[in-house]
């Protein structure tokens, strides 16, 4: 059992699971929380880059994905920029994650086995399943309003 726990931590530290979001997803969540806190204003990609210290090369593609998914509105021109127009309680963390990295990996085996289930488990299945269900529940239950009401000004 102890060997399984050490193996689990080794896998987690190597990033072969979904205990942590991809970097681009982290950026997307930071942008969305920032825009949620500033709903009355529009921000250009350059302003977002400077304010949030997100590499500019990510921002264009990221904002296009968020815009195409209907999560942000973009207006062209001198007074243009990005903003959120939806009700924050209707934007779930799962939508943001899905737009950027997809949700398929959140259900995969922590050891990478293609056939891993309660009926045919790997050695870490039971331990990982509980954590995985908790993470998945958090992703699907958390709204942008929840993140905004958290009160943090860390973007």
N, C-alpha and C. Protein backbone atom coordinates (compact mmCIF):
# COMPACT_ATOMS: atom_id res chain seq x y z
N UNK A 1 0.83 -1.20 0.00
CA UNK A 1 0.00 0.00 0.00
C UNK A 1 0.87 1.25 0.00
N UNK A 2 1.90 1.28 0.83
CA UNK A 2 2.79 2.44 0.89
C UNK A 2 3.46 2.67 -0.45
N UNK A 3 3.84 1.58 -1.12
CA UNK A 3 4.46 1.70 -2.44
C UNK A 3 3.48 2.33 -3.43
N UNK A 4 2.21 1.97 -3.34
CA UNK A 4 1.19 2.56 -4.22
C UNK A 4 1.04 4.05 -3.97
N UNK A 5 1.08 4.46 -2.72
CA UNK A 5 0.96 5.88 -2.39
C UNK A 5 2.15 6.65 -2.94
N UNK A 6 3.37 6.11 -2.78
CA UNK A 6 4.55 6.77 -3.32
C UNK A 6 4.48 6.85 -4.84
N UNK A 7 3.99 5.78 -5.47
CA UNK A 7 3.84 5.78 -6.91
C UNK A 7 2.83 6.85 -7.34
N UNK A 8 1.74 6.98 -6.60
CA UNK A 8 0.74 7.99 -6.90
C UNK A 8 1.36 9.39 -6.84
N UNK A 9 2.10 9.68 -5.78
CA UNK A 9 2.73 10.99 -5.67
C UNK A 9 3.75 11.22 -6.78
N UNK A 10 4.48 10.20 -7.15
CA UNK A 10 5.44 10.31 -8.24
C UNK A 10 4.72 10.68 -9.54
N UNK A 11 3.61 10.01 -9.80
CA UNK A 11 2.84 10.29 -11.01
C UNK A 11 2.28 11.71 -10.97
N UNK A 12 1.77 12.11 -9.82
CA UNK A 12 1.20 13.45 -9.69
C UNK A 12 2.26 14.51 -9.94
N UNK A 13 3.44 14.31 -9.39
CA UNK A 13 4.51 15.28 -9.56
C UNK A 13 5.02 15.34 -10.99
N UNK A 14 4.91 14.23 -11.70
CA UNK A 14 5.33 14.22 -13.10
C UNK A 14 4.27 14.82 -14.01
N UNK A 15 3.10 15.09 -13.50
CA UNK A 15 2.07 15.74 -14.29
C UNK A 15 1.31 14.83 -15.23
N UNK A 16 1.26 13.53 -14.97
CA UNK A 16 0.54 12.60 -15.85
C UNK A 16 -0.91 12.45 -15.46
N UNK A 17 -1.45 13.39 -14.76
CA UNK A 17 -2.84 13.30 -14.35
C UNK A 17 -3.47 14.67 -14.51
N UNK A 18 -4.60 14.84 -13.90
CA UNK A 18 -5.26 16.13 -13.98
C UNK A 18 -5.44 16.73 -12.59
N UNK A 19 -4.40 16.66 -11.78
CA UNK A 19 -4.43 17.34 -10.48
C UNK A 19 -4.13 18.82 -10.68
N UNK A 20 -3.65 19.15 -11.86
CA UNK A 20 -3.32 20.53 -12.16
C UNK A 20 -3.75 20.81 -13.59
N UNK A 21 -4.21 22.03 -13.82
CA UNK A 21 -4.62 22.42 -15.16
C UNK A 21 -3.40 22.65 -16.04
N UNK A 22 -3.60 22.53 -17.35
CA UNK A 22 -2.56 22.93 -18.29
C UNK A 22 -2.33 24.42 -18.13
N UNK A 23 -1.15 24.88 -18.49
CA UNK A 23 -0.78 26.29 -18.33
C UNK A 23 -1.77 27.20 -19.05
N UNK A 24 -2.15 26.85 -20.27
CA UNK A 24 -3.10 27.69 -21.02
C UNK A 24 -4.45 27.76 -20.32
N UNK A 25 -4.87 26.67 -19.69
CA UNK A 25 -6.13 26.67 -18.93
C UNK A 25 -6.01 27.57 -17.71
N UNK A 26 -4.87 27.53 -17.05
CA UNK A 26 -4.63 28.44 -15.92
C UNK A 26 -4.77 29.89 -16.38
N UNK A 27 -4.18 30.20 -17.53
CA UNK A 27 -4.29 31.56 -18.08
C UNK A 27 -5.74 31.91 -18.38
N UNK A 28 -6.48 30.97 -18.96
CA UNK A 28 -7.88 31.22 -19.30
C UNK A 28 -8.71 31.51 -18.05
N UNK A 29 -8.50 30.75 -17.00
CA UNK A 29 -9.24 30.97 -15.76
C UNK A 29 -8.87 32.32 -15.17
N UNK A 30 -7.59 32.66 -15.19
CA UNK A 30 -7.16 33.97 -14.67
C UNK A 30 -7.79 35.12 -15.45
N UNK A 31 -7.81 35.00 -16.78
CA UNK A 31 -8.42 36.04 -17.62
C UNK A 31 -9.91 36.16 -17.30
N UNK A 32 -10.59 35.03 -17.21
CA UNK A 32 -12.03 35.05 -16.97
C UNK A 32 -12.37 35.64 -15.60
N UNK A 33 -11.60 35.31 -14.57
CA UNK A 33 -11.84 35.88 -13.24
C UNK A 33 -11.57 37.38 -13.26
N UNK A 34 -10.51 37.80 -13.93
CA UNK A 34 -10.20 39.23 -14.04
C UNK A 34 -11.34 39.97 -14.75
N UNK A 35 -11.78 39.44 -15.89
CA UNK A 35 -12.88 40.08 -16.62
C UNK A 35 -14.17 40.07 -15.81
N UNK A 36 -14.38 39.03 -15.02
CA UNK A 36 -15.57 38.97 -14.15
C UNK A 36 -15.52 40.08 -13.10
N UNK A 37 -14.34 40.37 -12.61
CA UNK A 37 -14.19 41.44 -11.62
C UNK A 37 -14.27 42.84 -12.23
N UNK A 38 -14.20 42.91 -13.56
CA UNK A 38 -14.22 44.20 -14.27
C UNK A 38 -15.24 44.15 -15.41
N UNK A 39 -16.44 43.73 -15.10
CA UNK A 39 -17.45 43.49 -16.14
C UNK A 39 -17.89 44.75 -16.89
N UNK A 40 -17.73 45.90 -16.30
CA UNK A 40 -18.17 47.13 -16.95
C UNK A 40 -17.14 47.70 -17.92
N UNK A 41 -16.00 47.05 -18.02
CA UNK A 41 -14.92 47.57 -18.86
C UNK A 41 -14.52 46.55 -19.92
N UNK A 42 -13.88 47.08 -20.97
CA UNK A 42 -13.32 46.23 -22.02
C UNK A 42 -11.80 46.32 -21.92
N UNK A 43 -11.15 45.20 -22.18
CA UNK A 43 -9.69 45.15 -22.10
C UNK A 43 -9.13 44.58 -23.40
N UNK A 44 -8.14 45.25 -23.95
CA UNK A 44 -7.46 44.75 -25.15
C UNK A 44 -6.55 43.60 -24.75
N UNK A 45 -6.11 42.83 -25.74
CA UNK A 45 -5.18 41.73 -25.46
C UNK A 45 -3.90 42.28 -24.83
N UNK A 46 -3.45 43.45 -25.29
CA UNK A 46 -2.24 44.05 -24.73
C UNK A 46 -2.45 44.45 -23.27
N UNK A 47 -3.60 45.00 -22.94
CA UNK A 47 -3.89 45.36 -21.55
C UNK A 47 -3.95 44.11 -20.66
N UNK A 48 -4.57 43.06 -21.17
CA UNK A 48 -4.63 41.81 -20.41
C UNK A 48 -3.23 41.24 -20.21
N UNK A 49 -2.43 41.30 -21.27
CA UNK A 49 -1.05 40.82 -21.20
C UNK A 49 -0.27 41.58 -20.12
N UNK A 50 -0.37 42.90 -20.14
CA UNK A 50 0.38 43.71 -19.18
C UNK A 50 -0.15 43.56 -17.75
N UNK A 51 -1.45 43.53 -17.60
CA UNK A 51 -2.05 43.46 -16.27
C UNK A 51 -1.86 42.09 -15.62
N UNK A 52 -2.05 41.04 -16.41
CA UNK A 52 -2.04 39.68 -15.86
C UNK A 52 -0.69 38.97 -16.02
N UNK A 53 0.24 39.61 -16.74
CA UNK A 53 1.56 39.01 -16.97
C UNK A 53 1.45 37.63 -17.62
N UNK A 54 0.56 37.56 -18.60
CA UNK A 54 0.39 36.33 -19.38
C UNK A 54 1.10 36.55 -20.70
N UNK A 55 1.92 35.60 -21.14
CA UNK A 55 2.64 35.77 -22.40
C UNK A 55 1.69 36.14 -23.55
N UNK A 56 2.06 37.15 -24.28
CA UNK A 56 1.21 37.68 -25.35
C UNK A 56 0.92 36.61 -26.40
N UNK A 57 1.89 35.72 -26.66
CA UNK A 57 1.69 34.69 -27.69
C UNK A 57 0.52 33.76 -27.37
N UNK A 58 0.24 33.56 -26.09
CA UNK A 58 -0.90 32.73 -25.70
C UNK A 58 -2.22 33.48 -25.83
N UNK A 59 -2.17 34.76 -25.56
CA UNK A 59 -3.39 35.53 -25.40
C UNK A 59 -4.28 35.58 -26.63
N UNK A 60 -3.70 35.82 -27.80
CA UNK A 60 -4.51 35.92 -29.02
C UNK A 60 -5.32 34.67 -29.28
N UNK A 61 -4.64 33.52 -29.27
CA UNK A 61 -5.32 32.25 -29.51
C UNK A 61 -6.30 31.92 -28.39
N UNK A 62 -5.89 32.19 -27.16
CA UNK A 62 -6.75 31.91 -26.01
C UNK A 62 -8.03 32.73 -26.07
N UNK A 63 -7.89 34.02 -26.33
CA UNK A 63 -9.06 34.89 -26.37
C UNK A 63 -9.97 34.53 -27.55
N UNK A 64 -9.37 34.09 -28.65
CA UNK A 64 -10.18 33.65 -29.79
C UNK A 64 -11.00 32.42 -29.41
N UNK A 65 -10.39 31.47 -28.70
CA UNK A 65 -11.12 30.28 -28.25
C UNK A 65 -12.27 30.66 -27.32
N UNK A 66 -11.99 31.55 -26.36
CA UNK A 66 -13.02 31.97 -25.41
C UNK A 66 -14.14 32.72 -26.13
N UNK A 67 -13.78 33.52 -27.12
CA UNK A 67 -14.77 34.27 -27.89
C UNK A 67 -15.61 33.33 -28.75
N UNK A 68 -14.96 32.39 -29.43
CA UNK A 68 -15.69 31.43 -30.28
C UNK A 68 -16.66 30.58 -29.46
N UNK A 69 -16.32 30.33 -28.20
CA UNK A 69 -17.19 29.54 -27.32
C UNK A 69 -18.30 30.39 -26.71
N UNK A 70 -18.29 31.69 -26.97
CA UNK A 70 -19.32 32.57 -26.43
C UNK A 70 -19.10 32.96 -24.97
N UNK A 71 -17.90 32.72 -24.45
CA UNK A 71 -17.62 33.06 -23.06
C UNK A 71 -17.22 34.52 -22.89
N UNK A 72 -16.63 35.10 -23.93
CA UNK A 72 -16.32 36.53 -23.92
C UNK A 72 -16.80 37.15 -25.22
N UNK A 73 -17.03 38.44 -25.15
CA UNK A 73 -17.41 39.21 -26.34
C UNK A 73 -16.21 40.07 -26.72
N UNK A 74 -15.96 40.17 -28.00
CA UNK A 74 -14.88 41.03 -28.47
C UNK A 74 -15.47 42.12 -29.35
N UNK A 75 -15.01 43.34 -29.13
CA UNK A 75 -15.41 44.48 -29.94
C UNK A 75 -14.16 45.09 -30.55
N UNK A 76 -14.20 45.32 -31.85
CA UNK A 76 -13.05 45.91 -32.55
C UNK A 76 -13.06 47.43 -32.40
N UNK A 77 -11.93 48.04 -32.67
CA UNK A 77 -11.85 49.49 -32.68
C UNK A 77 -11.15 50.08 -31.48
N UNK A 78 -11.08 51.41 -31.49
CA UNK A 78 -10.34 52.14 -30.46
C UNK A 78 -10.88 51.87 -29.05
N UNK A 79 -12.16 51.82 -28.89
CA UNK A 79 -12.76 51.56 -27.58
C UNK A 79 -13.12 50.09 -27.39
N UNK A 80 -12.57 49.25 -28.26
CA UNK A 80 -12.90 47.83 -28.22
C UNK A 80 -12.10 47.06 -27.19
N UNK A 81 -12.32 45.77 -27.21
CA UNK A 81 -11.63 44.88 -26.29
C UNK A 81 -12.52 43.72 -25.92
N UNK A 82 -12.10 43.01 -24.90
CA UNK A 82 -12.81 41.82 -24.44
C UNK A 82 -13.57 42.11 -23.16
N UNK A 83 -14.72 41.46 -23.04
CA UNK A 83 -15.49 41.53 -21.80
C UNK A 83 -16.44 40.34 -21.75
N UNK A 84 -16.92 40.08 -20.55
CA UNK A 84 -17.90 39.01 -20.34
C UNK A 84 -19.28 39.64 -20.38
N UNK A 85 -20.19 39.02 -21.12
CA UNK A 85 -21.55 39.55 -21.17
C UNK A 85 -22.57 38.59 -20.56
N UNK A 86 -22.16 37.36 -20.28
CA UNK A 86 -23.07 36.38 -19.68
C UNK A 86 -23.17 36.59 -18.17
N UNK A 87 -24.23 36.05 -17.61
CA UNK A 87 -24.37 35.99 -16.16
C UNK A 87 -23.28 35.06 -15.62
N UNK A 88 -22.51 35.54 -14.67
CA UNK A 88 -21.38 34.77 -14.14
C UNK A 88 -21.80 33.44 -13.52
N UNK A 89 -23.02 33.37 -13.02
CA UNK A 89 -23.49 32.12 -12.41
C UNK A 89 -23.85 31.07 -13.47
N UNK A 90 -23.80 31.45 -14.75
CA UNK A 90 -24.07 30.51 -15.84
C UNK A 90 -22.81 30.06 -16.55
N UNK A 91 -21.65 30.51 -16.10
CA UNK A 91 -20.38 30.10 -16.71
C UNK A 91 -19.67 29.19 -15.71
N UNK A 92 -19.57 27.92 -16.08
CA UNK A 92 -18.96 26.93 -15.20
C UNK A 92 -17.49 26.73 -15.55
N UNK A 93 -16.71 26.40 -14.54
CA UNK A 93 -15.29 26.13 -14.72
C UNK A 93 -15.09 25.04 -15.77
N UNK A 94 -15.99 24.08 -15.81
CA UNK A 94 -15.91 23.00 -16.80
C UNK A 94 -15.96 23.53 -18.23
N UNK A 95 -16.73 24.61 -18.47
CA UNK A 95 -16.79 25.19 -19.81
C UNK A 95 -15.46 25.79 -20.20
N UNK A 96 -14.84 26.49 -19.27
CA UNK A 96 -13.54 27.12 -19.55
C UNK A 96 -12.49 26.05 -19.81
N UNK A 97 -12.46 25.03 -18.97
CA UNK A 97 -11.50 23.93 -19.13
C UNK A 97 -11.74 23.22 -20.46
N UNK A 98 -12.99 22.96 -20.79
CA UNK A 98 -13.32 22.25 -22.02
C UNK A 98 -12.89 23.03 -23.26
N UNK A 99 -13.06 24.34 -23.24
CA UNK A 99 -12.68 25.17 -24.38
C UNK A 99 -11.17 25.09 -24.62
N UNK A 100 -10.40 25.06 -23.57
CA UNK A 100 -8.95 25.13 -23.71
C UNK A 100 -8.29 23.76 -23.85
N UNK A 101 -8.58 22.83 -22.97
CA UNK A 101 -7.87 21.55 -23.00
C UNK A 101 -8.77 20.34 -23.14
N UNK A 102 -10.07 20.55 -23.05
CA UNK A 102 -10.99 19.43 -23.11
C UNK A 102 -11.10 18.74 -21.76
N UNK A 103 -12.09 17.90 -21.64
CA UNK A 103 -12.35 17.23 -20.37
C UNK A 103 -12.07 15.73 -20.41
N UNK A 104 -11.66 15.22 -21.56
CA UNK A 104 -11.48 13.77 -21.71
C UNK A 104 -10.48 13.18 -20.73
N UNK A 105 -9.38 13.87 -20.47
CA UNK A 105 -8.34 13.32 -19.60
C UNK A 105 -8.76 13.26 -18.14
N UNK A 106 -9.84 13.93 -17.77
CA UNK A 106 -10.26 13.92 -16.38
C UNK A 106 -10.89 12.59 -15.97
N UNK A 107 -11.14 11.72 -16.93
CA UNK A 107 -11.72 10.43 -16.61
C UNK A 107 -10.79 9.26 -16.89
N UNK A 108 -9.54 9.56 -17.25
CA UNK A 108 -8.64 8.47 -17.63
C UNK A 108 -7.94 7.87 -16.42
N UNK A 109 -7.40 6.70 -16.63
CA UNK A 109 -6.67 5.98 -15.58
C UNK A 109 -5.40 6.74 -15.22
N UNK A 110 -5.12 6.85 -13.93
CA UNK A 110 -3.95 7.57 -13.46
C UNK A 110 -2.65 6.89 -13.90
N UNK A 111 -2.71 5.60 -14.16
CA UNK A 111 -1.53 4.87 -14.63
C UNK A 111 -1.51 4.73 -16.15
N UNK A 112 -2.53 5.26 -16.82
CA UNK A 112 -2.56 5.26 -18.27
C UNK A 112 -3.13 4.02 -18.93
N UNK A 113 -3.70 3.11 -18.15
CA UNK A 113 -4.29 1.91 -18.75
C UNK A 113 -5.57 2.28 -19.50
N UNK A 114 -5.74 1.77 -20.73
CA UNK A 114 -6.95 2.10 -21.49
C UNK A 114 -8.20 1.43 -20.92
N UNK A 115 -8.05 0.29 -20.28
CA UNK A 115 -9.18 -0.44 -19.70
C UNK A 115 -9.03 -0.48 -18.19
N UNK A 116 -9.50 0.54 -17.51
CA UNK A 116 -9.41 0.60 -16.06
C UNK A 116 -10.79 0.98 -15.53
N UNK A 117 -11.36 0.11 -14.71
CA UNK A 117 -12.71 0.33 -14.19
C UNK A 117 -12.83 -0.35 -12.83
N UNK A 118 -13.99 -0.19 -12.21
CA UNK A 118 -14.23 -0.88 -10.94
C UNK A 118 -14.13 -2.40 -11.12
N UNK A 119 -14.52 -2.88 -12.29
CA UNK A 119 -14.49 -4.32 -12.56
C UNK A 119 -13.09 -4.79 -12.94
N UNK A 120 -12.29 -3.91 -13.52
CA UNK A 120 -10.94 -4.26 -13.99
C UNK A 120 -9.98 -3.14 -13.56
N UNK A 121 -9.72 -3.01 -12.24
CA UNK A 121 -8.96 -1.87 -11.73
C UNK A 121 -7.44 -2.05 -11.80
N UNK A 122 -6.75 -0.91 -11.90
CA UNK A 122 -5.30 -0.92 -11.73
C UNK A 122 -5.02 -0.85 -10.22
N UNK A 123 -3.76 -0.87 -9.85
CA UNK A 123 -3.42 -0.89 -8.42
C UNK A 123 -3.78 0.40 -7.70
N UNK A 124 -3.93 1.50 -8.43
CA UNK A 124 -4.27 2.78 -7.80
C UNK A 124 -5.71 3.21 -8.03
N UNK A 125 -6.49 2.37 -8.70
CA UNK A 125 -7.84 2.76 -9.12
C UNK A 125 -8.70 3.28 -7.98
N UNK A 126 -8.79 2.54 -6.91
CA UNK A 126 -9.69 2.92 -5.81
C UNK A 126 -9.26 4.25 -5.18
N UNK A 127 -7.97 4.40 -4.92
CA UNK A 127 -7.46 5.64 -4.31
C UNK A 127 -7.69 6.82 -5.25
N UNK A 128 -7.34 6.63 -6.52
CA UNK A 128 -7.44 7.71 -7.50
C UNK A 128 -8.89 8.07 -7.79
N UNK A 129 -9.78 7.08 -7.85
CA UNK A 129 -11.17 7.33 -8.21
C UNK A 129 -11.82 8.34 -7.26
N UNK A 130 -11.55 8.22 -5.97
CA UNK A 130 -12.12 9.16 -5.00
C UNK A 130 -11.63 10.58 -5.25
N UNK A 131 -10.34 10.73 -5.49
CA UNK A 131 -9.79 12.07 -5.76
C UNK A 131 -10.30 12.61 -7.08
N UNK A 132 -10.34 11.75 -8.08
CA UNK A 132 -10.80 12.13 -9.40
C UNK A 132 -12.26 12.60 -9.36
N UNK A 133 -13.10 11.90 -8.63
CA UNK A 133 -14.50 12.30 -8.51
C UNK A 133 -14.62 13.65 -7.82
N UNK A 134 -13.80 13.90 -6.83
CA UNK A 134 -13.81 15.18 -6.13
C UNK A 134 -13.38 16.32 -7.05
N UNK A 135 -12.34 16.09 -7.83
CA UNK A 135 -11.85 17.11 -8.78
C UNK A 135 -12.91 17.37 -9.84
N UNK A 136 -13.47 16.31 -10.39
CA UNK A 136 -14.49 16.45 -11.44
C UNK A 136 -15.71 17.20 -10.91
N UNK A 137 -16.15 16.88 -9.70
CA UNK A 137 -17.29 17.57 -9.09
C UNK A 137 -16.99 19.06 -8.95
N UNK A 138 -15.79 19.40 -8.50
CA UNK A 138 -15.41 20.80 -8.35
C UNK A 138 -15.45 21.53 -9.70
N UNK A 139 -14.94 20.89 -10.74
CA UNK A 139 -14.90 21.52 -12.07
C UNK A 139 -16.31 21.77 -12.59
N UNK A 140 -17.21 20.82 -12.39
CA UNK A 140 -18.57 20.94 -12.91
C UNK A 140 -19.49 21.79 -12.03
N UNK A 141 -19.19 21.92 -10.76
CA UNK A 141 -20.06 22.66 -9.84
C UNK A 141 -19.65 24.11 -9.62
N UNK A 142 -18.43 24.47 -9.95
CA UNK A 142 -17.92 25.81 -9.67
C UNK A 142 -18.23 26.75 -10.82
N UNK A 143 -18.85 27.89 -10.50
CA UNK A 143 -19.15 28.90 -11.51
C UNK A 143 -18.15 30.05 -11.40
N UNK A 144 -18.16 30.89 -12.42
CA UNK A 144 -17.31 32.08 -12.39
C UNK A 144 -17.75 33.01 -11.27
N UNK A 145 -19.04 33.01 -10.95
CA UNK A 145 -19.54 33.80 -9.82
C UNK A 145 -18.93 33.31 -8.51
N UNK A 146 -18.77 31.99 -8.36
CA UNK A 146 -18.13 31.43 -7.17
C UNK A 146 -16.69 31.90 -7.06
N UNK A 147 -15.99 31.90 -8.18
CA UNK A 147 -14.58 32.32 -8.17
C UNK A 147 -14.46 33.81 -7.90
N UNK A 148 -15.39 34.58 -8.45
CA UNK A 148 -15.37 36.02 -8.24
C UNK A 148 -15.68 36.35 -6.78
N UNK A 149 -16.64 35.67 -6.20
CA UNK A 149 -17.03 35.96 -4.82
C UNK A 149 -16.00 35.49 -3.81
N UNK A 150 -15.00 34.77 -4.30
CA UNK A 150 -13.91 34.32 -3.45
C UNK A 150 -13.16 35.51 -2.84
N UNK A 151 -13.19 36.65 -3.51
CA UNK A 151 -12.61 37.87 -2.97
C UNK A 151 -11.13 38.06 -3.25
N UNK A 152 -10.48 37.09 -3.83
CA UNK A 152 -9.05 37.24 -4.11
C UNK A 152 -8.85 38.23 -5.24
N UNK A 153 -7.84 39.04 -5.13
CA UNK A 153 -7.48 39.96 -6.21
C UNK A 153 -6.21 39.48 -6.90
N UNK A 154 -5.92 38.21 -6.73
CA UNK A 154 -4.79 37.59 -7.39
C UNK A 154 -5.27 37.04 -8.72
N UNK A 155 -4.75 37.59 -9.77
CA UNK A 155 -5.16 37.13 -11.09
C UNK A 155 -3.99 36.42 -11.71
